Amino acid sequence: MGDRKDLDDMLRETLGTNHVYFQPPENLRMNYPCIEYSRSGNYIRHANNKTYHHRREYSMTYITYDPDDPMIETLEDLPYCSMGRPYTAENLHHYPYTIYF
């Protein structure tokens, strides 16, 4: 299990750009395609009254102009990552994921 900085580095490497934003403020102008992500919880497993498995849960959204962007499948292949229901807003395609890191 790494920290948030490790996740950020992995996402930047996967995307191939620095267009990765952690909890961006409303007034930030993002460059597309991009990944926006935020902390959303924990995944904890217990046994014998102890924690034996712990991962941080992040909500991540890939935002792109292209509905057939190959990055969509690349992100699905990341470890402990699953895609939610995609949607379109303001002529941008949003692909939400949950990733445990």
C-alpha atoms as a PDB file:
ATOM      1  CA  MET A   1       0.000   0.000   0.000  1.00  0.00           C
ATOM      2  CA  GLY A   2       1.417   3.358  -1.024  1.00  0.00           C
ATOM      3  CA  ASP A   3       0.476   6.863  -0.102  1.00  0.00           C
ATOM      4  CA  ARG A   4      -1.521   9.373  -2.147  1.00  0.00           C
ATOM      5  CA  LYS A   5       1.650  10.757  -3.755  1.00  0.00           C
ATOM      6  CA  ASP A   6       2.451   7.288  -5.119  1.00  0.00           C
ATOM      7  CA  LEU A   7      -1.055   7.037  -6.571  1.00  0.00           C
ATOM      8  CA  ASP A   8      -0.697  10.493  -8.113  1.00  0.00           C
ATOM      9  CA  ASP A   9       2.619   9.503  -9.711  1.00  0.00           C
ATOM     10  CA  MET A  10       1.114   6.270 -11.069  1.00  0.00           C
ATOM     11  CA  LEU A  11      -1.857   8.131 -12.588  1.00  0.00           C
ATOM     12  CA  ARG A  12       0.416  10.732 -14.209  1.00  0.00           C
ATOM     13  CA  GLU A  13       2.581   7.975 -15.678  1.00  0.00           C
ATOM     14  CA  THR A  14      -0.461   6.052 -16.938  1.00  0.00           C
ATOM     15  CA  LEU A  15      -2.053   9.147 -18.486  1.00  0.00           C
ATOM     16  CA  GLY A  16       1.254  10.363 -19.890  1.00  0.00           C
ATOM     17  CA  THR A  17       0.629  13.985 -18.836  1.00  0.00           C
ATOM     18  CA  ASN A  18       0.433  16.109 -15.696  1.00  0.00           C
ATOM     19  CA  HIS A  19      -3.311  16.606 -16.131  1.00  0.00           C
ATOM     20  CA  VAL A  20      -4.075  14.787 -12.873  1.00  0.00           C
ATOM     21  CA  TYR A  21      -5.963  16.742 -10.203  1.00  0.00           C
ATOM     22  CA  PHE A  22      -6.500  15.789  -6.555  1.00  0.00           C
ATOM     23  CA  GLN A  23      -9.628  17.448  -5.147  1.00  0.00           C
ATOM     24  CA  PRO A  24      -9.422  20.437  -7.496  1.00  0.00           C
ATOM     25  CA  PRO A  25     -11.108  23.667  -6.371  1.00  0.00           C
ATOM     26  CA  GLU A  26     -14.157  24.862  -8.322  1.00  0.00           C
ATOM     27  CA  ASN A  27     -12.266  27.780  -9.880  1.00  0.00           C
ATOM     28  CA  LEU A  28      -9.424  25.627 -11.301  1.00  0.00           C
ATOM     29  CA  ARG A  29      -9.458  25.350 -15.081  1.00  0.00           C
ATOM     30  CA  MET A  30      -8.592  21.758 -15.945  1.00  0.00           C
ATOM     31  CA  ASN A  31      -6.921  20.662 -19.175  1.00  0.00           C
ATOM     32  CA  TYR A  32      -8.563  17.716 -20.952  1.00  0.00           C
ATOM     33  CA  PRO A  33      -8.207  14.803 -21.136  1.00  0.00           C
ATOM     34  CA  CYS A  34      -7.574  14.573 -17.424  1.00  0.00           C
ATOM     35  CA  ILE A  35      -8.064  12.556 -14.265  1.00  0.00           C
ATOM     36  CA  GLU A  36      -9.774  14.089 -11.257  1.00  0.00           C
ATOM     37  CA  TYR A  37      -9.715  12.110  -8.025  1.00  0.00           C
ATOM     38  CA  SER A  38     -10.468  12.382  -4.315  1.00  0.00           C
ATOM     39  CA  ARG A  39     -10.365  10.225  -1.205  1.00  0.00           C
ATOM     40  CA  SER A  40     -13.663   8.461  -0.586  1.00  0.00           C
ATOM     41  CA  GLY A  41     -13.100   5.880   2.149  1.00  0.00           C
ATOM     42  CA  ASN A  42     -11.226   2.797   3.290  1.00  0.00           C
ATOM     43  CA  TYR A  43     -11.331  -0.904   2.565  1.00  0.00           C
ATOM     44  CA  ILE A  44     -10.466  -2.797   5.728  1.00  0.00           C
ATOM     45  CA  ARG A  45     -10.555  -6.558   6.380  1.00  0.00           C
ATOM     46  CA  HIS A  46     -10.320  -7.978   9.896  1.00  0.00           C
ATOM     47  CA  ALA A  47      -9.360 -11.355  11.328  1.00  0.00           C
ATOM     48  CA  ASN A  48      -8.658 -12.397  14.920  1.00  0.00           C
ATOM     49  CA  ASN A  49      -9.756  -8.937  16.084  1.00  0.00           C
ATOM     50  CA  LYS A  50      -6.984  -7.291  14.059  1.00  0.00           C
ATOM     51  CA  THR A  51      -6.748  -5.440  10.778  1.00  0.00           C
ATOM     52  CA  TYR A  52      -4.937  -7.619   8.279  1.00  0.00           C
ATOM     53  CA  HIS A  53      -5.745  -5.792   5.042  1.00  0.00           C
ATOM     54  CA  HIS A  54      -6.176  -2.053   4.533  1.00  0.00           C
ATOM     55  CA  ARG A  55      -6.424   0.017   1.364  1.00  0.00           C
ATOM     56  CA  ARG A  56      -7.508   3.601   0.818  1.00  0.00           C
ATOM     57  CA  GLU A  57     -10.466   4.098  -1.503  1.00  0.00           C
ATOM     58  CA  TYR A  58     -10.439   6.894  -4.070  1.00  0.00           C
ATOM     59  CA  SER A  59     -13.133   8.119  -6.444  1.00  0.00           C
ATOM     60  CA  MET A  60     -11.520   8.864  -9.776  1.00  0.00           C
ATOM     61  CA  THR A  61     -13.026  10.322 -12.956  1.00  0.00           C
ATOM     62  CA  TYR A  62     -11.408  10.310 -16.369  1.00  0.00           C
ATOM     63  CA  ILE A  63     -12.721  13.263 -18.407  1.00  0.00           C
ATOM     64  CA  THR A  64     -12.224  13.394 -22.173  1.00  0.00           C
ATOM     65  CA  TYR A  65     -13.667  14.799 -25.385  1.00  0.00           C
ATOM     66  CA  ASP A  66     -13.403  11.397 -27.112  1.00  0.00           C
ATOM     67  CA  PRO A  67     -16.061   8.784 -26.222  1.00  0.00           C
ATOM     68  CA  ASP A  68     -13.819   6.039 -27.678  1.00  0.00           C
ATOM     69  CA  ASP A  69     -10.611   7.103 -25.941  1.00  0.00           C
ATOM     70  CA  PRO A  70      -8.342   4.033 -25.473  1.00  0.00           C
ATOM     71  CA  MET A  71      -7.322   5.361 -22.036  1.00  0.00           C
ATOM     72  CA  ILE A  72     -10.717   4.184 -20.731  1.00  0.00           C
ATOM     73  CA  GLU A  73      -9.668   0.539 -21.014  1.00  0.00           C
ATOM     74  CA  THR A  74      -6.140   1.266 -19.818  1.00  0.00           C
ATOM     75  CA  LEU A  75      -7.530   2.679 -16.561  1.00  0.00           C
ATOM     76  CA  GLU A  76      -9.806  -0.354 -16.136  1.00  0.00           C
ATOM     77  CA  ASP A  77      -6.690  -2.533 -16.179  1.00  0.00           C
ATOM     78  CA  LEU A  78      -5.122  -0.774 -13.166  1.00  0.00           C
ATOM     79  CA  PRO A  79      -4.933  -2.990 -10.068  1.00  0.00           C
ATOM     80  CA  TYR A  80      -7.939  -2.734  -7.737  1.00  0.00           C
ATOM     81  CA  CYS A  81      -9.789  -0.425 -10.135  1.00  0.00           C
ATOM     82  CA  SER A  82     -13.377  -0.733 -11.392  1.00  0.00           C
ATOM     83  CA  MET A  83     -15.436   1.520 -13.634  1.00  0.00           C
ATOM     84  CA  GLY A  84     -18.817   2.953 -12.690  1.00  0.00           C
ATOM     85  CA  ARG A  85     -21.525   4.343 -14.936  1.00  0.00           C
ATOM     86  CA  PRO A  86     -20.206   6.800 -17.564  1.00  0.00           C
ATOM     87  CA  TYR A  87     -22.038  10.064 -18.288  1.00  0.00           C
ATOM     88  CA  THR A  88     -21.724  13.154 -20.481  1.00  0.00           C
ATOM     89  CA  ALA A  89     -21.807  16.745 -19.206  1.00  0.00           C
ATOM     90  CA  GLU A  90     -20.961  19.968 -21.063  1.00  0.00           C
ATOM     91  CA  ASN A  91     -19.848  17.983 -24.139  1.00  0.00           C
ATOM     92  CA  LEU A  92     -17.271  16.079 -22.070  1.00  0.00           C
ATOM     93  CA  HIS A  93     -17.372  12.342 -21.441  1.00  0.00           C
ATOM     94  CA  HIS A  94     -16.897  11.347 -17.789  1.00  0.00           C
ATOM     95  CA  TYR A  95     -15.782   7.845 -16.828  1.00  0.00           C
ATOM     96  CA  PRO A  96     -15.980   7.293 -13.046  1.00  0.00           C
ATOM     97  CA  TYR A  97     -13.826   4.669 -11.353  1.00  0.00           C
ATOM     98  CA  THR A  98     -13.250   3.415  -7.856  1.00  0.00           C
ATOM     99  CA  ILE A  99      -9.624   2.593  -7.144  1.00  0.00           C
ATOM    100  CA  TYR A 100      -8.112   1.111  -3.995  1.00  0.00           C
ATOM    101  CA  PHE A 101      -4.539   2.032  -3.279  1.00  0.00           C
END
